[in-house]
Amino acid sequence: MNIAKSQTRLMDDFILFIILSIAGAFSRLLYNQLRKTINKEHPPSKKTETKTASQKEERYDKTLKPYS
């Protein structure tokens, strides 16, 4: 009797896993489609800032707080 219950529980968990996987994939597809639509209507700015290595080090030095 216990074996039958555990097999049923295992099957229920597996079915729930499959349903949640399908729901997750479907929501991801919807999200990607929405993002494409938004990017068509409001394209992201073409201006990109590139930082040089010295600017990156400068920022790193500012965030580094020595223990004193």
PDB file of N, CA and C in Angstrom:
ATOM      1  N   MET A   1       0.825  -1.199   0.000  1.00  0.00           N
ATOM      2  CA  MET A   1       0.000   0.000   0.000  1.00  0.00           C
ATOM      3  C   MET A   1       0.870   1.264   0.000  1.00  0.00           C
ATOM      4  N   ASN A   2       1.943   1.260   0.811  1.00  0.00           N
ATOM      5  CA  ASN A   2       2.816   2.430   0.867  1.00  0.00           C
ATOM      6  C   ASN A   2       3.551   2.648  -0.455  1.00  0.00           C
ATOM      7  N   ILE A   3       3.890   1.542  -1.123  1.00  0.00           N
ATOM      8  CA  ILE A   3       4.592   1.659  -2.404  1.00  0.00           C
ATOM      9  C   ILE A   3       3.685   2.318  -3.439  1.00  0.00           C
ATOM     10  N   ALA A   4       2.421   1.959  -3.444  1.00  0.00           N
ATOM     11  CA  ALA A   4       1.473   2.546  -4.394  1.00  0.00           C
ATOM     12  C   ALA A   4       1.306   4.043  -4.130  1.00  0.00           C
ATOM     13  N   LYS A   5       1.268   4.416  -2.847  1.00  0.00           N
ATOM     14  CA  LYS A   5       1.121   5.834  -2.505  1.00  0.00           C
ATOM     15  C   LYS A   5       2.353   6.626  -2.942  1.00  0.00           C
ATOM     16  N   SER A   6       3.534   6.062  -2.708  1.00  0.00           N
ATOM     17  CA  SER A   6       4.751   6.789  -3.071  1.00  0.00           C
ATOM     18  C   SER A   6       4.886   6.899  -4.587  1.00  0.00           C
ATOM     19  N   GLN A   7       4.454   5.861  -5.321  1.00  0.00           N
ATOM     20  CA  GLN A   7       4.506   5.939  -6.782  1.00  0.00           C
ATOM     21  C   GLN A   7       3.526   6.987  -7.300  1.00  0.00           C
ATOM     22  N   THR A   8       2.352   7.054  -6.690  1.00  0.00           N
ATOM     23  CA  THR A   8       1.371   8.059  -7.082  1.00  0.00           C
ATOM     24  C   THR A   8       1.905   9.449  -6.783  1.00  0.00           C
ATOM     25  N   ARG A   9       2.520   9.607  -5.620  1.00  0.00           N
ATOM     26  CA  ARG A   9       3.088  10.907  -5.241  1.00  0.00           C
ATOM     27  C   ARG A   9       4.215  11.299  -6.192  1.00  0.00           C
ATOM     28  N   LEU A  10       5.035  10.321  -6.555  1.00  0.00           N
ATOM     29  CA  LEU A  10       6.119  10.590  -7.480  1.00  0.00           C
ATOM     30  C   LEU A  10       5.585  11.006  -8.848  1.00  0.00           C
ATOM     31  N   MET A  11       4.544  10.339  -9.310  1.00  0.00           N
ATOM     32  CA  MET A  11       3.945  10.678 -10.590  1.00  0.00           C
ATOM     33  C   MET A  11       3.309  12.076 -10.529  1.00  0.00           C
ATOM     34  N   ASP A  12       2.647  12.386  -9.417  1.00  0.00           N
ATOM     35  CA  ASP A  12       2.055  13.721  -9.259  1.00  0.00           C
ATOM     36  C   ASP A  12       3.136  14.798  -9.284  1.00  0.00           C
ATOM     37  N   ASP A  13       4.239  14.553  -8.607  1.00  0.00           N
ATOM     38  CA  ASP A  13       5.336  15.525  -8.605  1.00  0.00           C
ATOM     39  C   ASP A  13       5.926  15.691 -10.004  1.00  0.00           C
ATOM     40  N   PHE A  14       6.034  14.583 -10.725  1.00  0.00           N
ATOM     41  CA  PHE A  14       6.589  14.645 -12.077  1.00  0.00           C
ATOM     42  C   PHE A  14       5.666  15.430 -13.008  1.00  0.00           C
ATOM     43  N   ILE A  15       4.363  15.192 -12.903  1.00  0.00           N
ATOM     44  CA  ILE A  15       3.397  15.922 -13.729  1.00  0.00           C
ATOM     45  C   ILE A  15       3.440  17.410 -13.390  1.00  0.00           C
ATOM     46  N   LEU A  16       3.531  17.730 -12.102  1.00  0.00           N
ATOM     47  CA  LEU A  16       3.625  19.128 -11.687  1.00  0.00           C
ATOM     48  C   LEU A  16       4.900  19.764 -12.239  1.00  0.00           C
ATOM     49  N   PHE A  17       6.001  19.037 -12.223  1.00  0.00           N
ATOM     50  CA  PHE A  17       7.262  19.537 -12.769  1.00  0.00           C
ATOM     51  C   PHE A  17       7.132  19.842 -14.256  1.00  0.00           C
ATOM     52  N   ILE A  18       6.491  18.949 -15.000  1.00  0.00           N
ATOM     53  CA  ILE A  18       6.309  19.153 -16.438  1.00  0.00           C
ATOM     54  C   ILE A  18       5.430  20.376 -16.696  1.00  0.00           C
ATOM     55  N   ILE A  19       4.348  20.511 -15.937  1.00  0.00           N
ATOM     56  CA  ILE A  19       3.449  21.655 -16.115  1.00  0.00           C
ATOM     57  C   ILE A  19       4.176  22.963 -15.819  1.00  0.00           C
ATOM     58  N   LEU A  20       4.951  22.991 -14.738  1.00  0.00           N
ATOM     59  CA  LEU A  20       5.683  24.214 -14.397  1.00  0.00           C
ATOM     60  C   LEU A  20       6.776  24.525 -15.417  1.00  0.00           C
ATOM     61  N   SER A  21       7.404  23.492 -15.970  1.00  0.00           N
ATOM     62  CA  SER A  21       8.415  23.709 -17.006  1.00  0.00           C
ATOM     63  C   SER A  21       7.799  24.320 -18.253  1.00  0.00           C
ATOM     64  N   ILE A  22       6.648  23.809 -18.648  1.00  0.00           N
ATOM     65  CA  ILE A  22       5.962  24.350 -19.822  1.00  0.00           C
ATOM     66  C   ILE A  22       5.525  25.787 -19.564  1.00  0.00           C
ATOM     67  N   ALA A  23       5.015  26.052 -18.361  1.00  0.00           N
ATOM     68  CA  ALA A  23       4.589  27.406 -18.016  1.00  0.00           C
ATOM     69  C   ALA A  23       5.782  28.363 -18.016  1.00  0.00           C
ATOM     70  N   GLY A  24       6.925  27.923 -17.506  1.00  0.00           N
ATOM     71  CA  GLY A  24       8.117  28.757 -17.498  1.00  0.00           C
ATOM     72  C   GLY A  24       8.605  29.064 -18.906  1.00  0.00           C
ATOM     73  N   ALA A  25       8.599  28.064 -19.767  1.00  0.00           N
ATOM     74  CA  ALA A  25       9.028  28.279 -21.152  1.00  0.00           C
ATOM     75  C   ALA A  25       8.063  29.225 -21.868  1.00  0.00           C
ATOM     76  N   PHE A  26       6.777  29.066 -21.619  1.00  0.00           N
ATOM     77  CA  PHE A  26       5.776  29.922 -22.250  1.00  0.00           C
ATOM     78  C   PHE A  26       5.924  31.362 -21.776  1.00  0.00           C
ATOM     79  N   SER A  27       6.158  31.553 -20.482  1.00  0.00           N
ATOM     80  CA  SER A  27       6.318  32.919 -19.971  1.00  0.00           C
ATOM     81  C   SER A  27       7.591  33.559 -20.531  1.00  0.00           C
ATOM     82  N   ARG A  28       8.630  32.763 -20.728  1.00  0.00           N
ATOM     83  CA  ARG A  28       9.868  33.296 -21.311  1.00  0.00           C
ATOM     84  C   ARG A  28       9.639  33.732 -22.760  1.00  0.00           C
ATOM     85  N   LEU A  29       8.867  32.938 -23.509  1.00  0.00           N
ATOM     86  CA  LEU A  29       8.549  33.318 -24.882  1.00  0.00           C
ATOM     87  C   LEU A  29       7.750  34.616 -24.922  1.00  0.00           C
ATOM     88  N   LEU A  30       6.775  34.739 -24.025  1.00  0.00           N
ATOM     89  CA  LEU A  30       5.988  35.969 -23.966  1.00  0.00           C
ATOM     90  C   LEU A  30       6.862  37.162 -23.605  1.00  0.00           C
ATOM     91  N   TYR A  31       7.761  36.975 -22.665  1.00  0.00           N
ATOM     92  CA  TYR A  31       8.656  38.056 -22.249  1.00  0.00           C
ATOM     93  C   TYR A  31       9.534  38.504 -23.414  1.00  0.00           C
ATOM     94  N   ASN A  32      10.106  37.551 -24.141  1.00  0.00           N
ATOM     95  CA  ASN A  32      10.964  37.895 -25.282  1.00  0.00           C
ATOM     96  C   ASN A  32      10.179  38.622 -26.363  1.00  0.00           C
ATOM     97  N   GLN A  33       8.949  38.177 -26.619  1.00  0.00           N
ATOM     98  CA  GLN A  33       8.115  38.820 -27.625  1.00  0.00           C
ATOM     99  C   GLN A  33       7.776  40.250 -27.214  1.00  0.00           C
ATOM    100  N   LEU A  34       7.464  40.444 -25.937  1.00  0.00           N
ATOM    101  CA  LEU A  34       7.155  41.777 -25.432  1.00  0.00           C
ATOM    102  C   LEU A  34       8.373  42.685 -25.524  1.00  0.00           C
ATOM    103  N   ARG A  35       9.539  42.147 -25.192  1.00  0.00           N
ATOM    104  CA  ARG A  35      10.767  42.937 -25.265  1.00  0.00           C
ATOM    105  C   ARG A  35      11.065  43.352 -26.704  1.00  0.00           C
ATOM    106  N   LYS A  36      10.831  42.460 -27.662  1.00  0.00           N
ATOM    107  CA  LYS A  36      11.036  42.807 -29.068  1.00  0.00           C
ATOM    108  C   LYS A  36      10.090  43.921 -29.489  1.00  0.00           C
ATOM    109  N   THR A  37       8.838  43.824 -29.062  1.00  0.00           N
ATOM    110  CA  THR A  37       7.847  44.843 -29.415  1.00  0.00           C
ATOM    111  C   THR A  37       8.229  46.191 -28.826  1.00  0.00           C
ATOM    112  N   ILE A  38       8.654  46.196 -27.574  1.00  0.00           N
ATOM    113  CA  ILE A  38       9.042  47.448 -26.929  1.00  0.00           C
ATOM    114  C   ILE A  38      10.264  48.044 -27.619  1.00  0.00           C
ATOM    115  N   ASN A  39      11.230  47.206 -27.992  1.00  0.00           N
ATOM    116  CA  ASN A  39      12.435  47.712 -28.657  1.00  0.00           C
ATOM    117  C   ASN A  39      12.127  48.280 -30.034  1.00  0.00           C
ATOM    118  N   LYS A  40      11.088  47.755 -30.708  1.00  0.00           N
ATOM    119  CA  LYS A  40      10.707  48.313 -32.007  1.00  0.00           C
ATOM    120  C   LYS A  40      10.114  49.701 -31.826  1.00  0.00           C
ATOM    121  N   GLU A  41       9.258  49.852 -30.821  1.00  0.00           N
ATOM    122  CA  GLU A  41       8.591  51.135 -30.597  1.00  0.00           C
ATOM    123  C   GLU A  41       9.537  52.162 -29.986  1.00  0.00           C
ATOM    124  N   HIS A  42      10.366  51.732 -29.059  1.00  0.00           N
ATOM    125  CA  HIS A  42      11.304  52.631 -28.378  1.00  0.00           C
ATOM    126  C   HIS A  42      12.694  52.013 -28.433  1.00  0.00           C
ATOM    127  N   PRO A  43      13.397  52.197 -29.542  1.00  0.00           N
ATOM    128  CA  PRO A  43      14.721  51.566 -29.654  1.00  0.00           C
ATOM    129  C   PRO A  43      15.683  52.112 -28.599  1.00  0.00           C
ATOM    130  N   PRO A  44      16.568  51.269 -28.094  1.00  0.00           N
ATOM    131  CA  PRO A  44      17.539  51.734 -27.106  1.00  0.00           C
ATOM    132  C   PRO A  44      18.494  52.739 -27.741  1.00  0.00           C
ATOM    133  N   SER A  45      19.017  53.624 -26.931  1.00  0.00           N
ATOM    134  CA  SER A  45      19.900  54.662 -27.464  1.00  0.00           C
ATOM    135  C   SER A  45      21.159  54.022 -28.032  1.00  0.00           C
ATOM    136  N   LYS A  46      21.627  54.598 -29.118  1.00  0.00           N
ATOM    137  CA  LYS A  46      22.829  54.074 -29.778  1.00  0.00           C
ATOM    138  C   LYS A  46      24.096  54.517 -29.068  1.00  0.00           C
ATOM    139  N   LYS A  47      23.973  55.533 -28.223  1.00  0.00           N
ATOM    140  CA  LYS A  47      25.139  56.077 -27.534  1.00  0.00           C
ATOM    141  C   LYS A  47      25.597  55.101 -26.451  1.00  0.00           C
ATOM    142  N   THR A  48      26.789  54.618 -26.583  1.00  0.00           N
ATOM    143  CA  THR A  48      27.348  53.736 -25.563  1.00  0.00           C
ATOM    144  C   THR A  48      28.646  54.346 -25.064  1.00  0.00           C
ATOM    145  N   GLU A  49      28.781  54.341 -23.793  1.00  0.00           N
ATOM    146  CA  GLU A  49      29.996  54.889 -23.197  1.00  0.00           C
ATOM    147  C   GLU A  49      30.998  53.759 -22.977  1.00  0.00           C
ATOM    148  N   THR A  50      32.186  53.971 -23.475  1.00  0.00           N
ATOM    149  CA  THR A  50      33.243  52.994 -23.240  1.00  0.00           C
ATOM    150  C   THR A  50      34.245  53.622 -22.301  1.00  0.00           C
ATOM    151  N   LYS A  51      34.553  52.900 -21.269  1.00  0.00           N
ATOM    152  CA  LYS A  51      35.507  53.403 -20.288  1.00  0.00           C
ATOM    153  C   LYS A  51      36.884  52.826 -20.571  1.00  0.00           C
ATOM    154  N   THR A  52      37.878  53.654 -20.375  1.00  0.00           N
ATOM    155  CA  THR A  52      39.248  53.177 -20.548  1.00  0.00           C
ATOM    156  C   THR A  52      39.656  52.428 -19.274  1.00  0.00           C
ATOM    157  N   ALA A  53      40.758  51.745 -19.351  1.00  0.00           N
ATOM    158  CA  ALA A  53      41.229  50.966 -18.208  1.00  0.00           C
ATOM    159  C   ALA A  53      41.530  51.867 -17.014  1.00  0.00           C
ATOM    160  N   SER A  54      42.053  53.064 -17.282  1.00  0.00           N
ATOM    161  CA  SER A  54      42.382  53.968 -16.171  1.00  0.00           C
ATOM    162  C   SER A  54      41.120  54.455 -15.468  1.00  0.00           C
ATOM    163  N   GLN A  55      40.034  54.673 -16.233  1.00  0.00           N
ATOM    164  CA  GLN A  55      38.775  55.090 -15.615  1.00  0.00           C
ATOM    165  C   GLN A  55      38.208  53.970 -14.752  1.00  0.00           C
ATOM    166  N   LYS A  56      38.342  52.740 -15.215  1.00  0.00           N
ATOM    167  CA  LYS A  56      37.857  51.614 -14.427  1.00  0.00           C
ATOM    168  C   LYS A  56      38.656  51.484 -13.133  1.00  0.00           C
ATOM    169  N   GLU A  57      39.954  51.646 -13.229  1.00  0.00           N
ATOM    170  CA  GLU A  57      40.792  51.573 -12.029  1.00  0.00           C
ATOM    171  C   GLU A  57      40.457  52.703 -11.071  1.00  0.00           C
ATOM    172  N   GLU A  58      40.171  53.873 -11.620  1.00  0.00           N
ATOM    173  CA  GLU A  58      39.821  55.031 -10.805  1.00  0.00           C
ATOM    174  C   GLU A  58      38.551  54.746 -10.002  1.00  0.00           C
ATOM    175  N   ARG A  59      37.569  54.177 -10.661  1.00  0.00           N
ATOM    176  CA  ARG A  59      36.320  53.848  -9.981  1.00  0.00           C
ATOM    177  C   ARG A  59      36.568  52.794  -8.909  1.00  0.00           C
ATOM    178  N   TYR A  60      37.418  51.840  -9.227  1.00  0.00           N
ATOM    179  CA  TYR A  60      37.728  50.775  -8.276  1.00  0.00           C
ATOM    180  C   TYR A  60      38.422  51.353  -7.046  1.00  0.00           C
ATOM    181  N   ASP A  61      39.328  52.305  -7.258  1.00  0.00           N
ATOM    182  CA  ASP A  61      40.037  52.929  -6.142  1.00  0.00           C
ATOM    183  C   ASP A  61      39.079  53.701  -5.241  1.00  0.00           C
ATOM    184  N   LYS A  62      38.068  54.315  -5.823  1.00  0.00           N
ATOM    185  CA  LYS A  62      37.104  55.084  -5.026  1.00  0.00           C
ATOM    186  C   LYS A  62      36.261  54.164  -4.149  1.00  0.00           C
ATOM    187  N   THR A  63      35.918  52.989  -4.661  1.00  0.00           N
ATOM    188  CA  THR A  63      35.067  52.086  -3.889  1.00  0.00           C
ATOM    189  C   THR A  63      35.864  51.297  -2.865  1.00  0.00           C
ATOM    190  N   LEU A  64      37.170  51.231  -3.026  1.00  0.00           N
ATOM    191  CA  LEU A  64      38.019  50.485  -2.106  1.00  0.00           C
ATOM    192  C   LEU A  64      38.239  51.303  -0.840  1.00  0.00           C
ATOM    193  N   LYS A  65      37.821  50.784   0.285  1.00  0.00           N
ATOM    194  CA  LYS A  65      37.982  51.519   1.542  1.00  0.00           C
ATOM    195  C   LYS A  65      38.943  50.743   2.443  1.00  0.00           C
ATOM    196  N   PRO A  66      40.093  51.317   2.718  1.00  0.00           N
ATOM    197  CA  PRO A  66      41.057  50.593   3.561  1.00  0.00           C
ATOM    198  C   PRO A  66      40.587  50.543   5.012  1.00  0.00           C
ATOM    199  N   TYR A  67      40.983  49.489   5.675  1.00  0.00           N
ATOM    200  CA  TYR A  67      40.666  49.362   7.100  1.00  0.00           C
ATOM    201  C   TYR A  67      41.707  50.144   7.895  1.00  0.00           C
ATOM    202  N   SER A  68      41.260  51.114   8.666  1.00  0.00           N
ATOM    203  CA  SER A  68      42.231  51.889   9.432  1.00  0.00           C
ATOM    204  C   SER A  68      41.717  52.152  10.833  1.00  0.00           C
TER     205      SER A  68
END
